[in-house]
Amino acid sequence: MKKRIISVLTVCALAFALTGCAGKASDAGNTGAAPNPANSDLSAYSDLTMKDYKLVFDEEFDGKTLDRSVWNVELHEPGWVNEEWQEYVDSDENIYLEDGHLVLKPVQKKDTMGSGAFTSGRVNTMGKHEFKYGFFESRLKVPAGNGFLPAFWLMTGDEQKYGQWPVCGEIDIMEVLGDAVNQNHGTIHFGLPHKQDQGTYQPVKLTNFSTDYHTYGLEWMPGKMVWYVDGVKYHETSDWYSKTESGELNPYPAPFNHEFYIILNLAVGNNWAGYPDETTDIKNSEYDIDYVRVYQAPSYDENVQKPVKVVDLREPADGSNYVNNGSFTENEDLSDNKNWKFLLANGGKGEAVIEDGKIVIKSEAAGTEEYSVQLVQPDMPMKEGSSYKLSFKAWADEDRTMKTAVTAPNEGWIRYLEDTEVKLTKEPKEFTFDFTMSEESDPKGRVEFNMGKTGSTATIYITDVSLVKTKD
């Protein structure tokens, strides 16, 4: 996931100006609506840590219009965050109730694609209903199509406590990319520099999340978070931290130990989900929210310690080379998460095949991002303080470029080896790049070859890929 980029005006400051921030929540952790006992059954969640949760916030959207005593409507210009195309407006076209659910509707205002071509809706409970810990649940149906990014997430209204984003923390419960509606991402953002911890749920028997409603849940406790889809637990973490500007650690479980508010929004075009194109059905797409509920226990024990992180760095399977099947002698499945994986995104089109001791990448469309056509191998064990050498042989049907890198998918996509341009010719050439691992040890580094948005779709050939440790 690409990091969330926040403009100079912070989320808190903008929301305050727009909503008036009508006071903080009570010491009990919420100022929620009265519980509805008929809707307080959590029996589907057999793994819930707390068994004595009580419903403290229940928004069923049964009225005729959005309840402004519960929800604020946010107003933001195009490009406010994440290079998004939509403008967030307060309009009955974009935000309305229908048949007992909230609709966030994208509307195209210009005939041409681009920034400002669309309006959409974004609502939050800042200053009205804020929570520290609990179980958060929403039943949702998301739109399908290039460029859509609906979200159900939590942010803090008090960025002064620990600092501006990402130091203040962010909790994402549901994010489904419009061009990958068979996957849900649950994520926390924290740290400085920005770090993230993300889990992805992709059910085997489900076509996508856009054809029907599905239930997304998060259990947030002192020192632990657990994510669910339709009652199925798919990710948990206790691994986060918070530092002051001087580099001192704040007491754990900061920053996730103060009040957060709820946000529902539909982005249209951004630097993670990509951008709408001629296949995106704006007119017949919408983000539907059936309900939002929050449950809490009577009390929480905040005397918790951060678990000791044990980093298990695997040994290379092939002598000193950490890359598996680096010479492409085995014909493997390029769509699974084992060894090599070929990825397409944001308009990239093509195919990859292994043949005759090399991998052949044929591109039909370069896409809008460098990673629109991408070959990766995950699970590279990177040890703090060690030096490494990445080498490979590559060529193309005509002169062109690609980029290589060693990245950190679980650490906010920081680069252990920076994105480096590789100039390819028709003749096979060996490329070598040396770098030192200066970050904390990471068992989940990733070797990348990025072949999108380079001005060429010429076929690329790669072989003899190796990542070796040159100094411990």
Protein backbone atom coordinates (compact mmCIF):
# COMPACT_ATOMS: atom_id res chain seq x y z
CA MET A 1 0.00 0.00 0.00
CA LYS A 2 1.21 3.43 -0.81
CA LYS A 3 1.51 5.75 2.15
CA ARG A 4 -1.25 8.26 2.86
CA ILE A 5 0.14 11.70 2.05
CA ILE A 6 -1.30 14.52 4.13
CA SER A 7 -1.23 18.13 3.03
CA VAL A 8 0.25 20.93 5.15
CA LEU A 9 -3.17 21.61 6.64
CA THR A 10 -3.77 18.60 8.82
CA VAL A 11 -6.85 16.45 9.00
CA CYS A 12 -7.63 17.77 12.45
CA ALA A 13 -7.31 21.44 11.54
CA LEU A 14 -9.45 21.12 8.43
CA ALA A 15 -12.13 19.07 10.11
CA PHE A 16 -12.22 21.53 13.01
CA ALA A 17 -12.77 24.45 10.68
CA LEU A 18 -15.52 22.63 8.84
CA THR A 19 -17.40 21.09 11.73
CA GLY A 20 -16.78 23.27 14.76
CA CYS A 21 -15.58 20.22 16.76
CA ALA A 22 -18.39 20.18 19.30
CA GLY A 23 -16.41 19.03 22.31
CA LYS A 24 -14.66 15.86 23.35
CA ALA A 25 -16.21 12.53 24.23
CA SER A 26 -16.85 11.50 27.79
CA ASP A 27 -14.35 9.70 30.03
CA ALA A 28 -16.17 6.47 29.28
CA GLY A 29 -14.75 6.69 25.77
CA ASN A 30 -17.81 7.72 23.77
CA THR A 31 -20.78 10.01 23.48
CA GLY A 32 -22.69 7.46 21.44
CA ALA A 33 -26.34 6.95 20.72
CA ALA A 34 -28.45 4.80 23.05
CA PRO A 35 -27.80 1.07 22.67
CA ASN A 36 -30.28 -1.00 20.72
CA PRO A 37 -30.38 -4.44 22.38
CA ALA A 38 -31.87 -6.00 19.26
CA ASN A 39 -28.68 -5.16 17.37
CA SER A 40 -26.11 -6.10 20.00
CA ASP A 41 -25.39 -9.71 19.04
CA LEU A 42 -21.69 -10.43 18.43
CA SER A 43 -22.06 -14.21 18.35
CA ALA A 44 -20.57 -14.40 14.85
CA TYR A 45 -17.22 -13.32 16.27
CA SER A 46 -16.06 -16.38 18.15
CA ASP A 47 -12.53 -15.01 18.55
CA LEU A 48 -13.46 -11.73 20.23
CA THR A 49 -11.28 -11.12 23.27
CA MET A 50 -13.98 -9.39 25.32
CA LYS A 51 -17.22 -11.22 26.02
CA ASP A 52 -18.99 -8.41 27.87
CA TYR A 53 -19.17 -5.79 25.14
CA LYS A 54 -22.15 -3.43 25.21
CA LEU A 55 -23.50 -1.50 22.25
CA VAL A 56 -22.63 2.17 22.78
CA PHE A 57 -23.10 3.64 19.28
CA ASP A 58 -25.69 2.48 16.76
CA GLU A 59 -26.29 4.33 13.49
CA GLU A 60 -28.82 2.48 11.32
CA PHE A 61 -29.48 5.33 8.81
CA ASP A 62 -33.23 4.85 9.11
CA GLY A 63 -34.13 8.54 8.81
CA LYS A 64 -34.88 10.64 5.76
CA THR A 65 -31.70 12.70 5.88
CA LEU A 66 -28.25 12.38 7.41
CA ASP A 67 -28.36 13.12 11.15
CA ARG A 68 -26.11 16.18 11.53
CA SER A 69 -26.04 15.75 15.31
CA VAL A 70 -24.09 12.54 14.70
CA TRP A 71 -22.20 13.23 11.46
CA ASN A 72 -20.11 16.07 10.07
CA VAL A 73 -19.82 16.51 6.31
CA GLU A 74 -16.29 17.31 5.20
CA LEU A 75 -15.46 19.75 2.37
CA HIS A 76 -12.14 19.35 0.57
CA GLU A 77 -10.69 20.49 -2.73
CA PRO A 78 -9.39 17.99 -5.33
CA GLY A 79 -5.88 16.80 -4.54
CA TRP A 80 -6.20 17.56 -0.82
CA VAL A 81 -4.64 14.16 -0.03
CA ASN A 82 -3.26 11.26 -2.06
CA GLU A 83 -3.54 13.12 -5.40
CA GLU A 84 -7.28 12.38 -5.40
CA TRP A 85 -9.41 13.68 -8.26
CA GLN A 86 -12.72 14.19 -6.47
CA GLU A 87 -13.94 17.26 -4.61
CA TYR A 88 -15.69 16.45 -1.33
CA VAL A 89 -18.92 18.45 -1.19
CA ASP A 90 -22.05 18.78 0.93
CA SER A 91 -24.72 17.87 -1.62
CA ASP A 92 -27.82 15.70 -1.77
CA GLU A 93 -26.41 14.32 -5.02
CA ASN A 94 -23.44 12.85 -3.19
CA ILE A 95 -24.66 12.15 0.34
CA TYR A 96 -28.18 10.84 1.02
CA LEU A 97 -30.18 8.14 2.81
CA GLU A 98 -32.09 5.52 0.86
CA ASP A 99 -33.93 2.39 2.01
CA GLY A 100 -32.24 2.40 5.41
CA HIS A 101 -28.67 2.95 4.32
CA LEU A 102 -26.29 5.83 3.69
CA VAL A 103 -25.21 6.40 0.09
CA LEU A 104 -21.95 8.11 -0.85
CA LYS A 105 -22.35 8.73 -4.55
CA PRO A 106 -19.67 9.82 -7.06
CA VAL A 107 -20.87 12.39 -9.60
CA GLN A 108 -18.98 13.35 -12.74
CA LYS A 109 -19.03 17.13 -13.27
CA LYS A 110 -16.74 17.39 -16.31
CA ASP A 111 -16.69 15.52 -19.61
CA THR A 112 -12.94 15.04 -19.39
CA MET A 113 -11.07 12.94 -16.86
CA GLY A 114 -8.73 14.58 -14.36
CA SER A 115 -8.51 16.44 -11.08
CA GLY A 116 -11.79 18.16 -10.26
CA ALA A 117 -13.84 16.09 -12.68
CA PHE A 118 -15.81 14.41 -9.88
CA THR A 119 -17.58 15.17 -6.62
CA SER A 120 -18.07 12.69 -3.80
CA GLY A 121 -18.95 12.40 -0.11
CA ARG A 122 -16.98 12.15 3.13
CA VAL A 123 -18.54 12.17 6.62
CA ASN A 124 -17.13 11.81 10.13
CA THR A 125 -18.10 11.84 13.82
CA MET A 126 -15.30 14.14 14.99
CA GLY A 127 -16.15 16.06 18.16
CA LYS A 128 -19.53 14.32 18.40
CA HIS A 129 -18.77 10.63 18.90
CA GLU A 130 -15.19 9.64 19.64
CA PHE A 131 -13.95 6.39 21.12
CA LYS A 132 -10.96 4.90 22.87
CA TYR A 133 -10.96 1.11 22.38
CA GLY A 134 -13.90 -1.07 21.46
CA PHE A 135 -15.29 -3.21 18.65
CA PHE A 136 -16.13 -1.26 15.48
CA GLU A 137 -18.38 -2.80 12.87
CA SER A 138 -20.06 -1.71 9.63
CA ARG A 139 -22.07 -3.51 6.98
CA LEU A 140 -21.05 -2.18 3.59
CA LYS A 141 -21.30 -2.63 -0.17
CA VAL A 142 -18.52 -1.08 -2.24
CA PRO A 143 -18.38 0.09 -5.87
CA ALA A 144 -16.31 -1.71 -8.50
CA GLY A 145 -14.28 0.16 -11.10
CA ASN A 146 -10.87 1.64 -11.74
CA GLY A 147 -10.11 4.55 -9.43
CA PHE A 148 -12.61 3.89 -6.62
CA LEU A 149 -11.36 3.69 -3.03
CA PRO A 150 -14.13 3.47 -0.40
CA ALA A 151 -13.04 3.43 3.23
CA PHE A 152 -14.28 2.85 6.79
CA TRP A 153 -11.59 4.10 9.17
CA LEU A 154 -10.62 5.92 12.35
CA MET A 155 -8.58 9.08 12.98
CA THR A 156 -7.81 11.15 16.04
CA GLY A 157 -9.22 14.61 16.63
CA ASP A 158 -6.25 15.47 18.85
CA GLU A 159 -3.09 15.60 16.75
CA GLN A 160 -1.45 17.71 19.42
CA LYS A 161 -1.17 14.79 21.84
CA TYR A 162 1.56 12.98 19.92
CA GLY A 163 2.00 14.99 16.71
CA GLN A 164 0.61 15.33 13.23
CA TRP A 165 0.01 12.39 10.91
CA PRO A 166 1.43 9.77 10.86
CA VAL A 167 2.69 10.21 14.45
CA CYS A 168 -0.89 10.58 15.74
CA GLY A 169 -1.89 7.21 14.26
CA GLU A 170 -4.54 6.02 11.82
CA ILE A 171 -6.68 2.86 11.84
CA ASP A 172 -8.15 1.56 8.55
CA ILE A 173 -10.86 -1.08 8.95
CA MET A 174 -12.03 -1.40 5.35
CA GLU A 175 -10.30 -0.31 2.14
CA VAL A 176 -11.26 -2.11 -1.07
CA LEU A 177 -9.68 -0.94 -4.31
CA GLY A 178 -12.18 -0.65 -7.12
CA ASP A 179 -10.03 -2.69 -9.50
CA ALA A 180 -9.41 -5.42 -6.89
CA VAL A 181 -12.80 -5.90 -5.23
CA ASN A 182 -11.91 -9.42 -4.06
CA GLN A 183 -9.53 -8.03 -1.40
CA ASN A 184 -9.98 -5.99 1.76
CA HIS A 185 -7.10 -4.23 3.47
CA GLY A 186 -6.91 -3.54 7.21
CA THR A 187 -4.07 -1.23 8.21
CA ILE A 188 -2.58 0.92 10.95
CA HIS A 189 -0.32 3.90 10.18
CA PHE A 190 2.10 5.28 12.76
CA GLY A 191 5.72 6.26 13.38
CA LEU A 192 8.13 8.84 12.01
CA PRO A 193 9.23 8.10 9.37
CA HIS A 194 5.88 6.66 8.37
CA LYS A 195 5.37 2.96 9.09
CA GLN A 196 2.36 0.74 8.57
CA ASP A 197 1.14 -2.73 9.49
CA GLN A 198 -1.34 -4.21 7.03
CA GLY A 199 -3.35 -7.38 6.63
CA THR A 200 -5.21 -8.38 3.47
CA TYR A 201 -8.26 -10.64 3.33
CA GLN A 202 -9.07 -12.47 0.09
CA PRO A 203 -11.71 -15.15 0.58
CA VAL A 204 -11.39 -18.17 -1.70
CA LYS A 205 -15.08 -18.56 -2.52
CA LEU A 206 -16.03 -14.88 -2.89
CA THR A 207 -16.08 -13.23 -6.31
CA ASN A 208 -15.94 -9.67 -4.98
CA PHE A 209 -17.15 -7.31 -2.26
CA SER A 210 -19.19 -5.14 -4.63
CA THR A 211 -22.08 -7.49 -5.42
CA ASP A 212 -23.54 -7.69 -1.90
CA TYR A 213 -23.17 -6.33 1.62
CA HIS A 214 -20.38 -7.63 3.83
CA THR A 215 -19.52 -6.92 7.46
CA TYR A 216 -16.16 -5.40 8.41
CA GLY A 217 -15.00 -5.34 12.01
CA LEU A 218 -12.08 -4.23 14.17
CA GLU A 219 -11.43 -5.10 17.80
CA TRP A 220 -9.21 -2.38 19.29
CA MET A 221 -7.79 -3.12 22.73
CA PRO A 222 -4.89 -1.69 24.73
CA GLY A 223 -1.86 -3.08 22.93
CA LYS A 224 -3.69 -5.21 20.36
CA MET A 225 -5.85 -4.87 17.23
CA VAL A 226 -7.71 -7.64 15.38
CA TRP A 227 -9.49 -7.33 11.99
CA TYR A 228 -12.48 -9.34 10.72
CA VAL A 229 -14.55 -9.72 7.55
CA ASP A 230 -17.92 -11.45 7.89
CA GLY A 231 -16.85 -12.76 11.30
CA VAL A 232 -13.60 -14.25 9.96
CA LYS A 233 -10.45 -13.09 11.73
CA TYR A 234 -7.71 -12.36 9.18
CA HIS A 235 -5.13 -10.10 10.82
CA GLU A 236 -3.89 -8.96 14.21
CA THR A 237 -1.00 -6.87 15.45
CA SER A 238 0.54 -5.44 18.59
CA ASP A 239 3.57 -4.05 16.78
CA TRP A 240 3.61 -0.26 16.70
CA TYR A 241 5.34 2.64 18.43
CA SER A 242 5.29 6.41 18.91
CA LYS A 243 8.30 8.73 19.16
CA THR A 244 8.67 12.38 20.06
CA GLU A 245 10.38 14.83 17.71
CA SER A 246 13.56 14.32 19.71
CA GLY A 247 13.38 10.58 19.06
CA GLU A 248 12.25 9.46 22.54
CA LEU A 249 9.67 6.68 22.70
CA ASN A 250 6.24 7.56 24.07
CA PRO A 251 4.84 4.98 26.52
CA TYR A 252 3.27 2.01 24.74
CA PRO A 253 0.53 1.59 23.50
CA ALA A 254 0.85 5.15 22.13
CA PRO A 255 -0.34 6.43 19.73
CA PHE A 256 -3.30 4.04 19.89
CA ASN A 257 -4.36 4.95 23.42
CA HIS A 258 -6.50 8.03 22.93
CA GLU A 259 -9.83 8.88 21.32
CA PHE A 260 -10.49 8.36 17.62
CA TYR A 261 -13.50 9.26 15.49
CA ILE A 262 -15.17 7.40 12.59
CA ILE A 263 -14.79 8.34 8.92
CA LEU A 264 -16.69 7.06 5.88
CA ASN A 265 -15.62 8.30 2.45
CA LEU A 266 -15.42 7.43 -1.23
CA ALA A 267 -12.32 8.61 -3.09
CA VAL A 268 -12.42 8.76 -6.89
CA GLY A 269 -8.92 8.55 -8.33
CA ASN A 270 -5.80 8.50 -6.17
CA ASN A 271 -2.18 7.43 -6.11
CA TRP A 272 -2.94 4.00 -4.64
CA ALA A 273 -6.11 2.78 -6.35
CA GLY A 274 -5.27 4.48 -9.64
CA TYR A 275 -7.66 6.61 -11.66
CA PRO A 276 -10.98 6.24 -13.49
CA ASP A 277 -10.94 5.44 -17.19
CA GLU A 278 -13.46 4.68 -19.94
CA THR A 279 -14.38 1.40 -18.21
CA THR A 280 -15.35 3.06 -14.90
CA ASP A 281 -19.14 3.28 -14.59
CA ILE A 282 -19.45 6.44 -12.51
CA LYS A 283 -23.18 6.89 -13.09
CA ASN A 284 -24.21 3.49 -11.73
CA SER A 285 -21.70 3.23 -8.88
CA GLU A 286 -22.13 4.06 -5.19
CA TYR A 287 -20.79 3.23 -1.74
CA ASP A 288 -23.59 1.88 0.49
CA ILE A 289 -23.40 1.80 4.30
CA ASP A 290 -26.13 -0.22 6.02
CA TYR A 291 -25.06 0.53 9.60
CA VAL A 292 -22.17 1.54 11.83
CA ARG A 293 -21.93 0.14 15.38
CA VAL A 294 -19.48 0.45 18.23
CA TYR A 295 -19.31 -1.86 21.25
CA GLN A 296 -17.23 -1.33 24.38
CA ALA A 297 -16.33 -3.17 27.55
CA PRO A 298 -17.06 -1.51 30.92
CA SER A 299 -13.32 -0.94 31.46
CA TYR A 300 -9.94 -1.66 29.92
CA ASP A 301 -6.61 -2.50 31.52
CA GLU A 302 -4.11 -0.14 29.91
CA ASN A 303 -1.16 -1.49 31.87
CA VAL A 304 0.25 -3.38 28.88
CA GLN A 305 3.77 -3.95 27.61
CA LYS A 306 4.83 -4.09 24.00
CA PRO A 307 5.60 -7.70 23.06
CA VAL A 308 9.25 -8.40 22.40
CA LYS A 309 9.66 -8.55 18.64
CA VAL A 310 11.53 -11.63 17.51
CA VAL A 311 12.81 -11.25 13.95
CA ASP A 312 13.43 -14.62 12.30
CA LEU A 313 15.70 -14.08 9.29
CA ARG A 314 15.80 -17.16 7.09
CA GLU A 315 19.01 -18.50 5.62
CA PRO A 316 19.44 -18.52 1.84
CA ALA A 317 18.16 -21.73 0.29
CA ASP A 318 20.72 -21.64 -2.50
CA GLY A 319 24.16 -21.09 -1.01
CA SER A 320 24.43 -17.36 -0.46
CA ASN A 321 21.58 -16.22 -2.73
CA TYR A 322 18.38 -15.21 -0.93
CA VAL A 323 16.40 -15.12 -4.22
CA ASN A 324 14.62 -18.36 -4.97
CA ASN A 325 14.54 -19.58 -8.58
CA GLY A 326 16.73 -16.66 -9.56
CA SER A 327 17.86 -18.40 -12.77
CA PHE A 328 14.27 -19.31 -13.66
CA THR A 329 15.00 -23.00 -14.07
CA GLU A 330 11.60 -23.88 -12.56
CA ASN A 331 8.32 -22.99 -14.24
CA GLU A 332 6.26 -21.66 -11.32
CA ASP A 333 2.88 -20.05 -10.70
CA LEU A 334 3.45 -16.31 -11.05
CA SER A 335 0.15 -15.37 -9.39
CA ASP A 336 0.72 -16.85 -5.93
CA ASN A 337 2.79 -15.46 -3.04
CA LYS A 338 5.59 -18.03 -3.33
CA ASN A 339 8.83 -16.95 -4.98
CA TRP A 340 8.18 -14.82 -8.08
CA LYS A 341 4.96 -12.90 -8.57
CA PHE A 342 3.84 -10.88 -11.61
CA LEU A 343 1.55 -7.93 -10.87
CA LEU A 344 -0.53 -5.53 -12.97
CA ALA A 345 -2.16 -2.34 -11.64
CA ASN A 346 -3.42 1.10 -12.67
CA GLY A 347 -3.91 0.40 -16.35
CA GLY A 348 -0.95 -1.92 -16.84
CA LYS A 349 -1.56 -4.85 -19.19
CA GLY A 350 0.70 -7.71 -20.09
CA GLU A 351 1.90 -11.19 -19.26
CA ALA A 352 4.98 -12.96 -17.94
CA VAL A 353 6.21 -16.45 -18.76
CA ILE A 354 9.23 -18.47 -17.67
CA GLU A 355 11.05 -20.18 -20.50
CA ASP A 356 14.58 -21.32 -21.32
CA GLY A 357 16.13 -20.12 -18.07
CA LYS A 358 14.71 -16.59 -18.13
CA ILE A 359 11.48 -14.72 -17.48
CA VAL A 360 9.88 -12.88 -20.39
CA ILE A 361 7.66 -9.86 -19.65
CA LYS A 362 5.44 -8.74 -22.53
CA SER A 363 3.58 -5.45 -21.98
CA GLU A 364 0.47 -4.40 -23.87
CA ALA A 365 -0.05 -1.18 -21.87
CA ALA A 366 2.44 0.59 -19.61
CA GLY A 367 -0.21 1.95 -17.22
CA THR A 368 -0.09 5.17 -15.23
CA GLU A 369 2.46 4.15 -12.57
CA GLU A 370 5.95 2.67 -12.62
CA TYR A 371 4.56 -0.33 -10.73
CA SER A 372 1.70 -0.83 -13.22
CA VAL A 373 3.76 -3.70 -14.69
CA GLN A 374 5.79 -5.34 -11.95
CA LEU A 375 7.78 -8.48 -11.13
CA VAL A 376 8.53 -9.06 -7.44
CA GLN A 377 9.88 -11.64 -5.03
CA PRO A 378 8.82 -11.17 -1.38
CA ASP A 379 10.23 -12.49 1.90
CA MET A 380 13.78 -11.19 1.51
CA PRO A 381 15.46 -11.31 4.99
CA MET A 382 17.17 -7.95 5.52
CA LYS A 383 19.47 -7.62 8.55
CA GLU A 384 20.16 -4.25 10.15
CA GLY A 385 23.72 -3.07 9.53
CA SER A 386 24.50 -5.66 6.85
CA SER A 387 25.60 -4.84 3.29
CA TYR A 388 24.01 -6.49 0.25
CA LYS A 389 24.48 -6.84 -3.47
CA LEU A 390 21.56 -7.17 -5.90
CA SER A 391 22.59 -8.43 -9.33
CA PHE A 392 20.80 -9.70 -12.44
CA LYS A 393 21.11 -9.97 -16.19
CA ALA A 394 18.55 -8.20 -18.38
CA TRP A 395 17.85 -6.99 -21.92
CA ALA A 396 14.91 -5.94 -24.12
CA ASP A 397 13.67 -6.06 -27.71
CA GLU A 398 14.62 -2.39 -28.05
CA ASP A 399 16.37 0.22 -25.93
CA ARG A 400 14.21 1.08 -22.93
CA THR A 401 14.35 1.49 -19.15
CA MET A 402 12.92 -0.17 -16.07
CA LYS A 403 13.50 0.39 -12.35
CA THR A 404 14.64 -1.97 -9.62
CA ALA A 405 14.48 -1.64 -5.83
CA VAL A 406 14.44 -3.57 -2.57
CA THR A 407 11.42 -2.39 -0.61
CA ALA A 408 9.60 -2.90 2.69
CA PRO A 409 5.89 -3.73 2.15
CA ASN A 410 5.35 -4.16 5.92
CA GLU A 411 7.29 -1.04 6.90
CA GLY A 412 5.49 1.72 5.02
CA TRP A 413 7.12 0.90 1.67
CA ILE A 414 10.43 2.46 2.63
CA ARG A 415 13.35 1.58 0.34
CA TYR A 416 16.33 -0.47 1.46
CA LEU A 417 17.70 -0.11 -2.07
CA GLU A 418 16.32 3.09 -3.58
CA ASP A 419 14.38 2.97 -6.85
CA THR A 420 17.16 2.76 -9.44
CA GLU A 421 16.85 3.21 -13.19
CA VAL A 422 18.16 0.36 -15.35
CA LYS A 423 18.95 1.12 -18.99
CA LEU A 424 18.29 -1.92 -21.15
CA THR A 425 19.58 -2.63 -24.65
CA LYS A 426 19.12 -5.52 -27.08
CA GLU A 427 22.28 -7.14 -25.72
CA PRO A 428 22.17 -9.02 -22.38
CA LYS A 429 23.98 -7.05 -19.70
CA GLU A 430 24.72 -7.74 -16.05
CA PHE A 431 23.66 -5.10 -13.53
CA THR A 432 24.93 -4.87 -9.94
CA PHE A 433 23.78 -2.61 -7.11
CA ASP A 434 25.30 -2.43 -3.61
CA PHE A 435 23.52 -1.07 -0.56
CA THR A 436 23.58 -1.17 3.24
CA MET A 437 20.55 -2.07 5.33
CA SER A 438 20.29 0.89 7.72
CA GLU A 439 16.78 0.16 9.08
CA GLU A 440 15.66 -2.35 11.70
CA SER A 441 15.90 -5.98 10.61
CA ASP A 442 13.00 -7.06 8.41
CA PRO A 443 12.21 -10.64 7.31
CA LYS A 444 9.77 -9.37 4.68
CA GLY A 445 11.82 -7.27 2.27
CA ARG A 446 10.94 -7.45 -1.42
CA VAL A 447 12.96 -7.40 -4.66
CA GLU A 448 11.13 -5.40 -7.33
CA PHE A 449 11.38 -4.84 -11.07
CA ASN A 450 9.06 -2.03 -12.19
CA MET A 451 8.34 -1.85 -15.91
CA GLY A 452 5.31 0.44 -16.23
CA LYS A 453 5.13 4.12 -17.27
CA THR A 454 8.53 4.15 -18.94
CA GLY A 455 7.54 5.30 -22.43
CA SER A 456 8.01 1.82 -23.88
CA THR A 457 6.23 -1.52 -23.88
CA ALA A 458 9.10 -3.44 -25.46
CA THR A 459 9.46 -7.00 -24.17
CA ILE A 460 11.95 -7.44 -21.31
CA TYR A 461 14.04 -10.51 -20.46
CA ILE A 462 15.52 -11.11 -16.97
CA THR A 463 17.65 -13.93 -15.56
CA ASP A 464 20.34 -14.77 -12.98
CA VAL A 465 18.80 -12.65 -10.22
CA SER A 466 20.64 -12.79 -6.91
CA LEU A 467 20.61 -10.96 -3.59
CA VAL A 468 23.61 -11.80 -1.43
CA LYS A 469 24.95 -10.47 1.84
CA THR A 470 28.42 -9.04 1.33
CA LYS A 471 29.12 -7.86 4.88
CA ASP A 472 27.46 -8.88 8.15
